[in-house]
Amino acid sequence: MNTMIYVILVLSSIIGGLIVKVQCVICDRIEEIDDDSPLAKMLRNRPIHTFMCQECHDRISQKTKERLATGKFRLYRDKKDEEEW
């Protein structure tokens, strides 16, 4: 799937258009983003990064917050130790 996103970006860059077509990794919806946007630049320069549409992003964050509220779900994050000088 990542290869497909990269191919779409390369073809769009070759054509020289001002709009880049990207595909959501979850729902496979194709959206158009501005060629000069930081997101388009990140996807062009680092093809390992993937695009997720705003609808999928909102749905995942809402479900995560609901699971956190149950108390049975723990989100493991690194604890940052602040150095005191």
Protein backbone atom coordinates (compact mmCIF):
# COMPACT_ATOMS: atom_id res chain seq x y z
CA MET A 1 0.00 0.00 0.00
CA ASN A 2 2.88 2.39 0.76
CA THR A 3 4.29 1.78 -2.70
CA MET A 4 1.01 2.89 -4.22
CA ILE A 5 1.10 6.18 -2.30
CA TYR A 6 4.66 6.77 -3.42
CA VAL A 7 3.78 6.05 -7.07
CA ILE A 8 0.86 8.47 -6.94
CA LEU A 9 3.10 11.16 -5.47
CA VAL A 10 5.84 10.60 -8.03
CA LEU A 11 3.40 10.69 -10.95
CA SER A 12 1.86 13.87 -9.62
CA SER A 13 5.31 15.43 -9.21
CA ILE A 14 6.30 14.48 -12.76
CA ILE A 15 3.14 15.99 -14.20
CA GLY A 16 3.93 19.19 -12.32
CA GLY A 17 0.48 19.81 -10.93
CA LEU A 18 -0.24 21.91 -7.89
CA ILE A 19 -2.29 19.16 -6.27
CA VAL A 20 -1.03 15.85 -4.88
CA LYS A 21 -3.35 12.86 -4.61
CA VAL A 22 -2.87 10.75 -1.49
CA GLN A 23 -4.66 7.66 -0.24
CA CYS A 24 -5.71 6.97 3.36
CA VAL A 25 -4.08 3.80 4.71
CA ILE A 26 -7.23 2.75 6.60
CA CYS A 27 -10.26 3.52 4.42
CA ASP A 28 -8.45 3.80 1.02
CA ARG A 29 -10.13 7.14 0.31
CA ILE A 30 -8.18 9.28 -2.15
CA GLU A 31 -7.83 12.95 -1.23
CA GLU A 32 -6.05 15.86 -2.83
CA ILE A 33 -3.64 18.04 -0.88
CA ASP A 34 -1.69 21.11 -1.90
CA ASP A 35 1.71 20.33 -3.42
CA ASP A 36 3.41 23.03 -1.33
CA SER A 37 2.02 21.85 2.03
CA PRO A 38 4.38 20.43 4.69
CA LEU A 39 2.42 17.15 4.63
CA ALA A 40 3.01 16.70 0.89
CA LYS A 41 6.69 17.44 1.34
CA MET A 42 6.97 14.91 4.19
CA LEU A 43 5.26 12.20 2.14
CA ARG A 44 7.43 12.95 -0.89
CA ASN A 45 10.74 12.92 0.98
CA ARG A 46 9.97 10.04 3.35
CA PRO A 47 7.82 7.43 1.62
CA ILE A 48 7.73 5.29 4.77
CA HIS A 49 5.31 7.82 6.27
CA THR A 50 1.67 7.23 5.55
CA PHE A 51 -1.37 9.44 5.14
CA MET A 52 -4.52 9.12 7.24
CA CYS A 53 -7.64 11.15 6.46
CA GLN A 54 -9.08 13.40 9.14
CA GLU A 55 -12.18 11.22 9.57
CA CYS A 56 -10.12 8.11 10.40
CA HIS A 57 -7.82 10.14 12.65
CA ASP A 58 -10.78 11.53 14.62
CA ARG A 59 -12.40 8.09 14.91
CA ILE A 60 -9.21 6.48 16.23
CA SER A 61 -8.58 9.26 18.76
CA GLN A 62 -12.20 9.08 20.00
CA LYS A 63 -12.04 5.29 20.43
CA THR A 64 -8.70 5.59 22.26
CA LYS A 65 -10.13 8.17 24.66
CA GLU A 66 -13.13 5.91 25.32
CA ARG A 67 -10.82 2.97 26.11
CA LEU A 68 -8.70 5.15 28.40
CA ALA A 69 -11.87 6.18 30.28
CA THR A 70 -12.71 2.53 31.09
CA GLY A 71 -9.56 2.22 33.20
CA LYS A 72 -8.67 -1.18 31.72
CA PHE A 73 -6.57 0.28 28.92
CA ARG A 74 -3.12 1.69 29.51
CA LEU A 75 -1.21 3.67 26.96
CA TYR A 76 2.46 2.87 27.47
CA ARG A 77 4.59 5.95 26.99
CA ASP A 78 8.18 6.57 27.89
CA LYS A 79 8.65 8.47 31.09
CA LYS A 80 10.90 11.42 30.51
CA ASP A 81 13.30 12.19 33.31
CA GLU A 82 14.04 15.86 33.47
CA GLU A 83 17.60 16.70 34.33
CA GLU A 84 17.98 19.35 36.97
CA TRP A 85 21.08 21.45 36.77
